[in-house]
Protein backbone atom coordinates (compact mmCIF):
# COMPACT_ATOMS: atom_id res chain seq x y z
CA UNK A 1 2.16 27.46 -17.21
CA UNK A 2 4.91 25.28 -15.72
CA UNK A 3 5.49 21.64 -14.77
CA UNK A 4 4.94 22.70 -11.16
CA UNK A 5 1.47 24.03 -12.08
CA UNK A 6 0.64 20.62 -13.55
CA UNK A 7 1.99 18.72 -10.55
CA UNK A 8 -0.08 20.84 -8.16
CA UNK A 9 -3.16 20.35 -10.34
CA UNK A 10 -2.64 16.55 -10.40
CA UNK A 11 -2.34 16.43 -6.60
CA UNK A 12 -5.53 18.47 -6.12
CA UNK A 13 -7.37 16.28 -8.66
CA UNK A 14 -6.18 13.04 -7.02
CA UNK A 15 -6.95 14.07 -3.44
CA UNK A 16 -9.84 16.48 -3.96
CA UNK A 17 -8.28 18.82 -1.41
CA UNK A 18 -6.13 21.90 -1.83
CA UNK A 19 -4.84 21.40 1.71
CA UNK A 20 -3.27 18.06 0.69
CA UNK A 21 -1.53 19.69 -2.26
CA UNK A 22 -0.33 22.51 -0.02
CA UNK A 23 1.17 20.01 2.42
CA UNK A 24 2.74 17.95 -0.38
CA UNK A 25 4.46 20.90 -2.03
CA UNK A 26 5.15 22.96 1.12
CA UNK A 27 2.87 25.78 0.00
CA UNK A 28 0.10 27.77 1.60
CA UNK A 29 -3.46 26.95 0.58
CA UNK A 30 -3.89 30.36 -1.09
CA UNK A 31 -0.78 29.62 -3.19
CA UNK A 32 -2.32 26.31 -4.36
CA UNK A 33 -5.60 28.05 -5.13
CA UNK A 34 -3.71 30.71 -7.10
CA UNK A 35 -1.88 28.02 -9.09
CA UNK A 36 -5.17 26.37 -10.09
CA UNK A 37 -6.66 29.77 -10.99
CA UNK A 38 -3.63 30.53 -13.18
CA UNK A 39 -4.14 27.25 -15.05
CA UNK A 40 -7.83 28.03 -15.55
CA UNK A 41 -7.01 31.49 -16.92
CA UNK A 42 -4.24 30.12 -19.13
CA UNK A 43 -6.52 27.57 -20.83
CA UNK A 44 -9.78 29.52 -20.49
CA UNK A 45 -11.63 26.61 -18.88
CA UNK A 46 -12.97 25.71 -15.47
CA UNK A 47 -11.07 22.79 -13.94
CA UNK A 48 -13.04 22.34 -10.71
CA UNK A 49 -16.55 23.09 -9.51
CA UNK A 50 -16.56 24.31 -5.93
CA UNK A 51 -19.76 23.19 -4.17
CA UNK A 52 -20.35 23.20 -0.39
CA UNK A 53 -16.63 23.64 0.29
CA UNK A 54 -15.79 20.57 -1.82
CA UNK A 55 -14.01 20.29 -5.18
CA UNK A 56 -15.45 18.34 -8.11
CA UNK A 57 -13.32 17.98 -11.23
CA UNK A 58 -15.00 19.13 -14.46
CA UNK A 59 -14.91 17.40 -17.83
CA UNK A 60 -12.23 19.87 -18.96
CA UNK A 61 -10.33 19.06 -15.77
CA UNK A 62 -10.50 15.32 -16.49
CA UNK A 63 -9.11 15.85 -19.98
CA UNK A 64 -6.29 18.03 -18.64
CA UNK A 65 -5.55 15.47 -15.91
CA UNK A 66 -4.97 12.69 -18.44
CA UNK A 67 -2.65 14.83 -20.56
CA UNK A 68 -0.92 16.41 -17.55
CA UNK A 69 0.06 12.98 -16.26
CA UNK A 70 1.72 12.19 -19.58
CA UNK A 71 3.57 15.51 -19.67
CA UNK A 72 4.79 15.23 -16.08
CA UNK A 73 5.89 11.64 -16.60
CA UNK A 74 7.78 12.55 -19.78
CA UNK A 75 9.51 15.42 -17.95
CA UNK A 76 10.40 13.20 -14.99
CA UNK A 77 11.71 10.51 -17.33
CA UNK A 78 13.94 13.14 -18.91
CA UNK A 79 15.17 14.19 -15.47
CA UNK A 80 15.70 10.60 -14.37
CA UNK A 81 17.50 9.63 -17.55
CA UNK A 82 19.93 12.55 -17.30
CA UNK A 83 20.56 11.93 -13.60
CA UNK A 84 21.55 8.35 -14.40
CA UNK A 85 24.52 9.78 -16.28
CA UNK A 86 25.92 11.13 -13.02
CA UNK A 87 28.16 9.18 -10.65
CA UNK A 88 25.28 8.85 -8.13
CA UNK A 89 22.09 7.76 -9.93
CA UNK A 90 18.94 8.25 -7.87
CA UNK A 91 16.41 5.47 -7.29
CA UNK A 92 13.17 6.27 -5.45
CA UNK A 93 11.39 3.16 -4.21
CA UNK A 94 8.08 2.95 -2.38
CA UNK A 95 6.79 0.22 -0.11
CA UNK A 96 3.56 -0.25 1.77
CA UNK A 97 3.86 -0.77 5.50
CA UNK A 98 3.68 -4.57 5.53
CA UNK A 99 6.32 -4.84 2.80
CA UNK A 100 8.40 -2.10 4.39
CA UNK A 101 8.33 -3.82 7.76
CA UNK A 102 9.09 -7.34 6.57
CA UNK A 103 10.91 -7.35 3.24
CA UNK A 104 12.17 -4.12 1.76
CA UNK A 105 15.10 -3.66 4.15
CA UNK A 106 16.86 -6.75 2.82
CA UNK A 107 16.36 -5.69 -0.79
CA UNK A 108 17.75 -2.25 0.00
CA UNK A 109 20.78 -3.74 1.75
CA UNK A 110 21.55 -5.96 -1.23
CA UNK A 111 21.06 -3.08 -3.66
CA UNK A 112 23.46 -0.84 -1.74
CA UNK A 113 26.03 -3.65 -1.74
CA UNK A 114 25.72 -4.21 -5.48
CA UNK A 115 25.34 -0.52 -6.42
CA UNK A 116 27.60 1.31 -3.94
CA UNK A 117 27.44 4.63 -5.80
CA UNK A 118 23.64 4.79 -6.03
CA UNK A 119 21.48 7.30 -4.15
CA UNK A 120 18.58 5.17 -2.91
CA UNK A 121 15.55 6.84 -1.32
CA UNK A 122 12.73 4.84 0.29
CA UNK A 123 9.17 5.88 1.20
CA UNK A 124 7.09 3.54 3.39
CA UNK A 125 3.39 4.48 3.57
CA UNK A 126 -0.06 3.07 2.82
CA UNK A 127 -1.16 1.85 -0.60
CA UNK A 128 -3.08 5.00 -1.52
CA UNK A 129 -0.07 7.25 -0.84
CA UNK A 130 2.33 4.97 -2.71
CA UNK A 131 -0.02 4.90 -5.70
CA UNK A 132 -0.08 8.71 -5.83
CA UNK A 133 3.72 8.77 -5.71
CA UNK A 134 3.96 6.45 -8.71
CA UNK A 135 1.43 8.51 -10.65
CA UNK A 136 3.19 11.82 -10.05
CA UNK A 137 6.66 10.28 -10.59
CA UNK A 138 7.96 11.08 -7.13
CA UNK A 139 8.53 7.29 -6.95
CA UNK A 140 10.17 5.11 -9.59
CA UNK A 141 8.80 1.73 -8.50
CA UNK A 142 7.07 0.19 -5.52
CA UNK A 143 6.14 -3.01 -3.72
CA UNK A 144 2.59 -2.97 -2.35
CA UNK A 145 0.19 -5.34 -0.63
CA UNK A 146 -2.97 -3.43 -1.50
CA UNK A 147 -4.99 -3.18 -4.69
CA UNK A 148 -3.77 -0.61 -7.22
CA UNK A 149 -6.69 1.26 -8.78
CA UNK A 150 -5.10 3.36 -11.53
CA UNK A 151 -5.07 1.95 -15.07
CA UNK A 152 -1.87 3.93 -15.69
CA UNK A 153 0.11 1.63 -13.38
CA UNK A 154 1.29 -1.88 -14.23
CA UNK A 155 1.31 -4.47 -11.42
CA UNK A 156 3.15 -7.79 -11.33
CA UNK A 157 2.57 -10.22 -8.42
CA UNK A 158 5.97 -11.23 -7.03
CA UNK A 159 5.63 -12.39 -3.40
CA UNK A 160 3.05 -14.65 -1.74
CA UNK A 161 1.65 -13.60 1.62
CA UNK A 162 -1.11 -14.66 4.04
CA UNK A 163 -3.35 -12.64 6.34
CA UNK A 164 -4.00 -14.43 9.62
CA UNK A 165 -6.32 -13.86 12.58
CA UNK A 166 -4.09 -13.20 15.59
CA UNK A 167 -4.68 -12.81 19.34
CA UNK A 168 -3.12 -13.58 22.71
CA UNK A 169 -2.93 -17.27 23.71
CA UNK A 170 -5.39 -16.66 26.58
CA UNK A 171 -8.11 -15.33 24.25
CA UNK A 172 -11.24 -17.55 24.25
CA UNK A 173 -10.92 -18.29 20.51
CA UNK A 174 -7.27 -19.25 20.96
CA UNK A 175 -8.22 -21.61 23.80
CA UNK A 176 -10.98 -23.13 21.65
CA UNK A 177 -8.48 -23.55 18.81
CA UNK A 178 -10.55 -22.25 15.90
CA UNK A 179 -13.05 -19.57 14.86
CA UNK A 180 -15.99 -19.28 12.52
CA UNK A 181 -16.53 -16.06 10.54
CA UNK A 182 -19.60 -15.24 12.66
CA UNK A 183 -17.36 -15.19 15.76
CA UNK A 184 -15.49 -12.20 14.33
CA UNK A 185 -18.57 -9.99 14.58
CA UNK A 186 -18.33 -10.21 18.39
CA UNK A 187 -14.66 -9.17 18.55
CA UNK A 188 -12.86 -5.85 18.76
CA UNK A 189 -10.14 -5.36 16.16
CA UNK A 190 -6.88 -3.47 16.02
CA UNK A 191 -6.32 -2.53 12.39
CA UNK A 192 -4.32 -0.32 10.06
CA UNK A 193 -5.59 3.07 8.89
CA UNK A 194 -7.91 3.75 5.95
CA UNK A 195 -5.93 3.43 2.72
CA UNK A 196 -4.11 0.32 3.94
CA UNK A 197 -4.32 -2.69 1.62
CA UNK A 198 -4.56 -5.07 4.59
CA UNK A 199 -7.47 -3.18 6.11
CA UNK A 200 -9.23 -2.95 2.75
CA UNK A 201 -9.04 -6.71 2.25
CA UNK A 202 -10.32 -7.55 5.73
CA UNK A 203 -13.09 -4.93 5.55
CA UNK A 204 -14.24 -6.48 2.28
CA UNK A 205 -14.03 -9.97 3.80
CA UNK A 206 -16.39 -8.95 6.62
CA UNK A 207 -18.74 -6.98 4.36
CA UNK A 208 -19.07 -9.90 1.90
CA UNK A 209 -20.38 -12.03 4.75
CA UNK A 210 -22.58 -9.36 6.32
CA UNK A 211 -20.56 -9.47 9.54
CA UNK A 212 -20.27 -6.23 11.54
CA UNK A 213 -16.72 -5.00 12.06
CA UNK A 214 -15.78 -3.24 15.29
CA UNK A 215 -12.48 -1.35 15.16
CA UNK A 216 -11.16 -0.44 18.58
CA UNK A 217 -7.73 0.80 17.51
CA UNK A 218 -6.60 2.34 14.22
CA UNK A 219 -2.81 2.27 13.83
CA UNK A 220 -0.39 3.38 11.13
CA UNK A 221 2.29 0.82 11.97
CA UNK A 222 2.58 -2.92 12.56
CA UNK A 223 4.61 -2.48 15.76
CA UNK A 224 1.77 -0.57 17.46
CA UNK A 225 -0.71 -3.23 16.36
CA UNK A 226 1.42 -6.04 17.80
CA UNK A 227 1.84 -4.23 21.12
CA UNK A 228 -1.90 -3.53 21.42
CA UNK A 229 -2.75 -7.18 20.76
CA UNK A 230 -0.14 -8.29 23.32
CA UNK A 231 -1.83 -5.97 25.84
CA UNK A 232 -5.13 -7.77 25.22
CA UNK A 233 -6.84 -4.81 23.54
CA UNK A 234 -8.34 -7.01 20.84
CA UNK A 235 -7.59 -9.21 17.85
CA UNK A 236 -6.01 -8.28 14.53
CA UNK A 237 -5.78 -9.54 10.99
CA UNK A 238 -2.22 -9.09 9.82
CA UNK A 239 0.42 -10.48 7.47
CA UNK A 240 1.92 -13.64 8.92
CA UNK A 241 5.33 -12.16 8.11
CA UNK A 242 4.81 -9.33 10.60
CA UNK A 243 4.11 -11.62 13.56
CA UNK A 244 6.55 -14.43 12.73
CA UNK A 245 8.63 -13.98 15.91
CA UNK A 246 5.57 -13.79 18.16
CA UNK A 247 3.98 -16.87 16.59
CA UNK A 248 7.20 -18.86 16.93
CA UNK A 249 7.68 -17.80 20.56
CA UNK A 250 4.02 -18.40 21.45
CA UNK A 251 3.36 -14.87 22.73
CA UNK A 252 0.71 -14.55 20.01
CA UNK A 253 -1.44 -17.22 18.36
CA UNK A 254 -2.87 -17.46 14.83
CA UNK A 255 -6.43 -18.78 15.07
CA UNK A 256 -7.67 -20.96 12.18
CA UNK A 257 -10.85 -19.71 10.50
CA UNK A 258 -13.04 -22.71 9.61
CA UNK A 259 -14.77 -21.80 6.40
CA UNK A 260 -14.85 -22.86 2.75
CA UNK A 261 -15.55 -19.33 1.53
CA UNK A 262 -15.51 -20.26 -2.15
CA UNK A 263 -18.87 -18.62 -2.89
CA UNK A 264 -17.31 -15.28 -1.94
CA UNK A 265 -14.30 -15.81 -4.15
CA UNK A 266 -12.00 -16.05 -1.13
CA UNK A 267 -9.58 -18.77 -0.13
CA UNK A 268 -10.40 -19.17 3.55
CA UNK A 269 -9.07 -22.39 4.96
CA UNK A 270 -6.96 -23.52 7.81
CA UNK A 271 -5.01 -20.81 9.53
CA UNK A 272 -5.52 -17.86 7.24
CA UNK A 273 -8.12 -15.29 6.28
CA UNK A 274 -6.76 -14.50 2.85
CA UNK A 275 -3.93 -15.49 0.55
CA UNK A 276 -2.62 -12.57 -1.47
CA UNK A 277 0.36 -11.41 -3.48
CA UNK A 278 2.67 -8.48 -2.89
CA UNK A 279 2.95 -6.71 -6.22
CA UNK A 280 5.69 -4.85 -8.01
CA UNK A 281 4.24 -1.64 -9.46
CA UNK A 282 5.58 0.78 -12.07
CA UNK A 283 4.02 3.39 -14.32
CA UNK A 284 3.24 1.84 -17.71
CA UNK A 285 5.33 4.49 -19.46
CA UNK A 286 8.21 4.53 -16.98
CA UNK A 287 11.68 4.77 -18.45
CA UNK A 288 13.56 1.71 -17.15
CA UNK A 289 16.98 3.03 -16.21
CA UNK A 290 19.94 0.82 -15.22
CA UNK A 291 19.28 1.68 -11.55
CA UNK A 292 15.63 0.60 -11.81
CA UNK A 293 16.60 -2.54 -13.73
CA UNK A 294 19.08 -3.53 -11.02
CA UNK A 295 16.42 -3.24 -8.31
CA UNK A 296 13.91 -5.19 -10.41
CA UNK A 297 16.39 -8.05 -10.70
CA UNK A 298 16.87 -8.10 -6.92
CA UNK A 299 13.13 -8.10 -6.24
CA UNK A 300 12.44 -10.90 -8.71
CA UNK A 301 15.23 -13.09 -7.33
CA UNK A 302 14.99 -12.25 -3.67
CA UNK A 303 11.46 -12.71 -2.37
CA UNK A 304 10.78 -16.42 -2.82
CA UNK A 305 10.75 -17.59 0.80
CA UNK A 306 8.02 -19.97 1.95
CA UNK A 307 6.04 -18.73 4.98
CA UNK A 308 3.41 -21.50 5.12
CA UNK A 309 5.25 -23.13 8.03
CA UNK A 310 4.17 -20.19 10.21
CA UNK A 311 0.48 -21.01 9.65
CA UNK A 312 -1.49 -23.22 12.04
CA UNK A 313 -1.35 -26.81 10.86
CA UNK A 314 1.69 -25.99 8.74
CA UNK A 315 -0.50 -24.40 6.09
CA UNK A 316 -2.75 -27.42 5.52
CA UNK A 317 -5.43 -26.72 2.95
CA UNK A 318 -8.47 -28.20 4.71
CA UNK A 319 -9.72 -27.64 8.27
CA UNK A 320 -10.06 -30.63 10.54
């Protein structure tokens, strides 16, 4: 039994698919299956039930998963700590797409300036993928806009953001100047893929109100979403940071949603669908190296800009 066996097992347990583990570790599916079988023989337990071509983790598997995470994290902390003694310490930072498109580049530039000898590696992907990277220690820290589900990860809100309803200026709702939530059930939306924090928030917003959601386009990047909206393919709900230039130039318009929304636990007032926080995320047991500490200082100091001026009405709290 090796650390690699445990890492493969964790990936299969997290994704429920041997094909995902095979892709992650550049292995064939039979090689992943063999690795799981070797673990089962080594411990004399069954880790997964295989029913109707699906994998279901057993109770023994759940117990191994909890301990395997601790072992892998301890090993990776050892590796990280020793690598920090070299002349080129490695820092692996993750960012979800909204953060990666609007904020992380400036933090990286400042980090490279202050730590010229560091080896900085960045992964930009959706919240679910970033969370897996933090759990298996392929990432040291991350900035995310979505909700982190694992109790093994510690999250600290650090940056305020707003989701806004956006369309072309010739859209009927833009010409009217406002929208009610019920109007959204008649629209076609251009949204991020499943696993995106932005999509999860908006999907929940619509479901809480019993409003049907029609998704015409599913996109993995903000640039594709902006272009599709500019072409008149539909509306989107997106971070105001990602459409700042278009809102300022008038090529796109943020439509105020006129709703109190308090009974749903949402803040839904003038100009925005949802106020949220980008969060800094680390594993609870992560070894904080000097390289990680330097990036944490940058993140805590750097992302304090006010974006409320981009909202309709200058971010006023109550609709008129």
